[in-house]
Amino acid sequence: MLTAKQHELLVFINQRLDQSGISPSFEEMKEALDLKSKSGVHRLIGALEERGFIRRLANRARALEVMKMPESANTRRDNVTRLAPVKEAKPQIHIPVAANDVLEIPFHGKIAAGVPIEALEGQNSLSVPMALLGAGEHYALEVSGDSMMEAGILDGDYALIRKADTARDGEIVVALIRGEEATLKYLRREGQQIRLDPANGNYQPQYYAPHEVQVQGKLAGLLRRYH
């Protein structure tokens, strides 16, 4: 079942693709739906993507493909949206567009890539190109330290984190330790312990009991400034 705004956005995207073969920008979607910010558009896009109505095409900032459409409102019964068959897609010529759509995500201060430091909860925001983000909620942290340098994560980088409370072995996560300190590390399970691995030969793995470590997100991307 789609909400009214989700349905409205899906129809708008589909119409624009039929007309021009190019996805509307997030600014155009915001104006078309009379939303206050692009964050609302991002949430709607994520919901439609999770439900399989649209998908993002790789390496394209504004490339969306409609996978299926709900039937018209007069075919709904008992508030259930019935799915219409997907028509065979027409060949489309996709014109490269600038990756200029951005999203404001929460910025929560510094995260240690060395020894754990106190987790910070800031109220600031960071403008991030949409091309760097996928589905889900995200936030940003500034990397402090060099223990993840061999993974290409350097001191001063901005780590873009997708919120999550679970992770697979080998994924880079934000781990909250004993509810007080946070660090950015590879997560691995070793016997009855959680091992947080650095990516720098000068640092040793950190071992904790499972109840001492809480996953708060997984690394989704990086932003870097050059001085």
Protein backbone atom coordinates (compact mmCIF):
# COMPACT_ATOMS: atom_id res chain seq x y z
CA MET A 1 0.00 0.00 0.00
CA LEU A 2 1.32 3.40 -1.01
CA THR A 3 0.65 6.63 0.79
CA ALA A 4 -0.89 9.49 -1.18
CA LYS A 5 2.48 11.28 -1.45
CA GLN A 6 4.30 8.11 -2.50
CA HIS A 7 1.69 7.48 -5.21
CA GLU A 8 1.83 11.11 -6.36
CA LEU A 9 5.62 11.02 -6.63
CA LEU A 10 5.63 7.71 -8.50
CA VAL A 11 3.17 9.06 -11.06
CA PHE A 12 5.21 12.26 -11.47
CA ILE A 13 8.45 10.35 -12.06
CA ASN A 14 6.77 8.00 -14.53
CA GLN A 15 5.24 10.89 -16.49
CA ARG A 16 8.55 12.73 -16.69
CA LEU A 17 10.36 9.60 -17.89
CA ASP A 18 7.69 9.09 -20.59
CA GLN A 19 8.03 12.70 -21.72
CA SER A 20 11.79 13.18 -21.74
CA GLY A 21 13.49 9.94 -20.77
CA ILE A 22 15.21 11.78 -17.89
CA SER A 23 14.33 11.54 -14.21
CA PRO A 24 13.17 14.79 -12.58
CA SER A 25 15.59 16.47 -10.20
CA PHE A 26 14.98 16.37 -6.47
CA GLU A 27 14.20 20.10 -6.60
CA GLU A 28 11.55 19.47 -9.27
CA MET A 29 10.07 16.63 -7.22
CA LYS A 30 10.01 18.81 -4.11
CA GLU A 31 8.12 21.56 -5.95
CA ALA A 32 5.75 19.16 -7.70
CA LEU A 33 4.70 17.61 -4.38
CA ASP A 34 4.75 20.95 -2.51
CA LEU A 35 7.24 19.63 0.06
CA LYS A 36 9.29 21.87 2.32
CA SER A 37 12.65 20.17 1.78
CA LYS A 38 14.47 17.61 -0.32
CA SER A 39 14.73 15.40 2.74
CA GLY A 40 11.04 14.57 2.30
CA VAL A 41 11.70 13.59 -1.31
CA HIS A 42 14.59 11.38 -0.21
CA ARG A 43 12.36 9.53 2.25
CA LEU A 44 9.67 8.99 -0.39
CA ILE A 45 12.23 7.74 -2.93
CA GLY A 46 13.64 5.35 -0.33
CA ALA A 47 10.18 3.99 0.48
CA LEU A 48 9.34 3.44 -3.20
CA GLU A 49 12.69 1.75 -3.75
CA GLU A 50 12.22 -0.58 -0.78
CA ARG A 51 8.77 -1.57 -2.11
CA GLY A 52 10.16 -2.34 -5.56
CA PHE A 53 8.33 0.41 -7.46
CA ILE A 54 11.50 2.16 -8.59
CA ARG A 55 15.21 1.51 -8.67
CA ARG A 56 18.27 3.73 -8.95
CA LEU A 57 20.62 3.15 -11.85
CA ALA A 58 24.26 2.85 -10.85
CA ASN A 59 26.66 5.78 -11.23
CA ARG A 60 23.94 8.24 -12.14
CA ALA A 61 22.82 10.97 -9.76
CA ARG A 62 19.33 11.44 -11.21
CA ALA A 63 18.74 8.10 -12.94
CA LEU A 64 15.55 6.42 -11.68
CA GLU A 65 13.69 3.58 -13.37
CA VAL A 66 10.03 2.78 -12.68
CA MET A 67 9.70 -0.96 -12.15
CA LYS A 68 5.94 -1.17 -11.67
CA MET A 69 2.90 1.05 -11.23
CA PRO A 70 -0.16 0.63 -8.99
CA GLU A 71 -3.50 0.37 -10.70
CA SER A 72 -5.72 3.44 -10.74
CA ALA A 73 -7.57 4.36 -7.57
CA ASN A 74 -10.88 2.91 -8.75
CA THR A 75 -9.39 -0.59 -8.75
CA ARG A 76 -8.45 -0.45 -5.06
CA ARG A 77 -10.46 -2.32 -2.51
CA ASP A 78 -10.12 -2.40 1.25
CA ASN A 79 -7.24 0.09 1.06
CA VAL A 80 -5.00 -2.41 -0.70
CA THR A 81 -3.06 -1.28 -3.77
CA ARG A 82 -3.16 -3.96 -6.46
CA LEU A 83 -0.23 -4.01 -8.85
CA ALA A 84 -0.77 -3.68 -12.57
CA PRO A 85 1.40 -5.71 -14.95
CA VAL A 86 4.56 -3.94 -15.95
CA LYS A 87 4.50 -2.88 -19.61
CA GLU A 88 7.50 -3.67 -21.72
CA ALA A 89 9.84 -0.74 -21.35
CA LYS A 90 10.39 1.45 -24.40
CA PRO A 91 13.99 2.03 -25.44
CA GLN A 92 15.12 5.32 -23.96
CA ILE A 93 18.11 7.49 -24.61
CA HIS A 94 19.49 8.65 -21.29
CA ILE A 95 21.31 11.95 -21.46
CA PRO A 96 24.05 12.38 -18.84
CA VAL A 97 23.10 14.98 -16.26
CA ALA A 98 25.07 16.82 -13.64
CA ALA A 99 25.25 15.24 -10.19
CA ASN A 100 23.95 18.41 -8.56
CA ASP A 101 21.17 17.04 -6.36
CA VAL A 102 22.15 17.25 -2.72
CA LEU A 103 20.60 16.23 0.56
CA GLU A 104 21.08 17.71 4.00
CA ILE A 105 21.92 14.91 6.46
CA PRO A 106 22.65 15.21 10.21
CA PHE A 107 26.28 15.84 11.14
CA HIS A 108 27.17 14.32 14.52
CA GLY A 109 30.73 15.51 15.01
CA LYS A 110 33.88 13.37 15.15
CA ILE A 111 34.30 9.63 15.09
CA ALA A 112 37.58 7.96 16.07
CA ALA A 113 39.53 5.93 13.56
CA GLY A 114 42.12 5.25 16.26
CA VAL A 115 41.17 4.55 19.85
CA PRO A 116 37.50 5.08 20.75
CA ILE A 117 36.39 8.62 21.58
CA GLU A 118 33.22 9.92 23.11
CA ALA A 119 30.25 9.75 20.73
CA LEU A 120 29.01 13.20 19.76
CA GLU A 121 25.46 14.16 18.90
CA GLY A 122 25.56 17.46 17.05
CA GLN A 123 22.68 19.45 15.64
CA ASN A 124 24.46 20.56 12.45
CA SER A 125 23.90 19.21 8.95
CA LEU A 126 26.08 18.41 5.96
CA SER A 127 25.18 18.79 2.28
CA VAL A 128 25.89 15.51 0.48
CA PRO A 129 25.52 14.64 -3.23
CA MET A 130 22.65 12.22 -3.68
CA ALA A 131 24.87 10.05 -5.89
CA LEU A 132 26.79 8.99 -2.76
CA LEU A 133 23.70 7.81 -0.87
CA GLY A 134 21.40 4.86 -1.34
CA ALA A 135 18.19 3.88 0.38
CA GLY A 136 17.77 4.37 4.11
CA GLU A 137 18.58 7.08 6.63
CA HIS A 138 22.06 8.54 6.77
CA TYR A 139 24.20 10.76 8.94
CA ALA A 140 27.76 12.10 8.72
CA LEU A 141 30.77 11.94 11.03
CA GLU A 142 34.19 13.55 10.76
CA VAL A 143 36.99 10.99 10.94
CA SER A 144 39.63 11.57 13.61
CA GLY A 145 42.78 9.42 13.50
CA ASP A 146 44.59 7.20 11.02
CA SER A 147 43.80 3.63 12.03
CA MET A 148 41.62 3.09 8.91
CA MET A 149 44.04 4.65 6.43
CA GLU A 150 44.73 1.36 4.62
CA ALA A 151 41.01 1.23 3.82
CA GLY A 152 41.28 4.69 2.27
CA ILE A 153 39.68 6.45 5.26
CA LEU A 154 41.86 9.37 6.32
CA ASP A 155 41.94 11.85 9.17
CA GLY A 156 39.56 14.71 8.37
CA ASP A 157 37.38 12.74 5.94
CA TYR A 158 33.62 12.83 6.34
CA ALA A 159 32.22 9.33 6.78
CA LEU A 160 28.69 8.93 5.41
CA ILE A 161 26.91 6.36 7.56
CA ARG A 162 23.69 4.47 6.80
CA LYS A 163 21.79 3.81 10.00
CA ALA A 164 21.75 0.12 10.94
CA ASP A 165 21.85 -1.95 14.10
CA THR A 166 23.30 -5.10 12.57
CA ALA A 167 26.24 -5.84 10.28
CA ARG A 168 27.96 -8.77 8.61
CA ASP A 169 31.50 -9.83 9.38
CA GLY A 170 34.00 -7.68 7.52
CA GLU A 171 31.81 -4.58 7.17
CA ILE A 172 33.03 -1.18 8.34
CA VAL A 173 30.73 0.04 11.09
CA VAL A 174 30.23 2.75 13.66
CA ALA A 175 30.48 0.78 16.90
CA LEU A 176 29.27 2.31 20.16
CA ILE A 177 31.29 0.79 22.98
CA ARG A 178 29.76 0.43 26.44
CA GLY A 179 27.23 3.13 25.51
CA GLU A 180 29.83 5.87 25.82
CA GLU A 181 32.48 5.78 23.11
CA ALA A 182 32.28 5.34 19.37
CA THR A 183 34.79 4.15 16.79
CA LEU A 184 34.93 3.33 13.08
CA LYS A 185 36.29 -0.18 12.48
CA TYR A 186 35.85 -3.47 10.63
CA LEU A 187 33.50 -5.66 12.66
CA ARG A 188 34.21 -9.36 13.06
CA ARG A 189 32.95 -12.05 15.41
CA GLU A 190 35.56 -14.29 17.02
CA GLY A 191 34.22 -17.00 19.27
CA GLN A 192 32.24 -15.36 22.05
CA GLN A 193 33.76 -11.93 21.40
CA ILE A 194 33.38 -9.01 19.03
CA ARG A 195 36.62 -7.97 17.36
CA LEU A 196 36.98 -4.46 15.97
CA ASP A 197 39.81 -4.42 13.44
CA PRO A 198 41.78 -1.36 12.30
CA ALA A 199 43.17 -0.95 8.79
CA ASN A 200 46.63 0.14 9.89
CA GLY A 201 49.45 -2.17 10.94
CA ASN A 202 50.40 0.17 13.77
CA TYR A 203 47.16 -0.56 15.65
CA GLN A 204 45.94 -3.73 17.35
CA PRO A 205 42.43 -5.24 17.13
CA GLN A 206 40.08 -4.40 20.00
CA TYR A 207 38.12 -7.18 21.71
CA TYR A 208 34.80 -6.75 23.51
CA ALA A 209 31.95 -8.85 24.85
CA PRO A 210 28.90 -8.77 22.55
CA HIS A 211 26.84 -6.77 25.05
CA GLU A 212 29.51 -4.06 25.10
CA VAL A 213 29.24 -3.25 21.39
CA GLN A 214 26.26 -1.69 19.65
CA VAL A 215 26.28 -1.20 15.87
CA GLN A 216 24.97 2.25 15.01
CA GLY A 217 25.51 2.28 11.28
CA LYS A 218 27.55 1.05 8.30
CA LEU A 219 29.89 3.03 6.11
CA ALA A 220 28.14 4.12 2.90
CA GLY A 221 30.57 6.65 1.46
CA LEU A 222 33.23 9.28 2.04
CA LEU A 223 33.68 12.98 1.42
CA ARG A 224 37.16 14.50 1.39
CA ARG A 225 38.39 18.09 1.44
CA TYR A 226 41.67 19.12 -0.15
CA HIS A 227 43.35 22.08 1.50
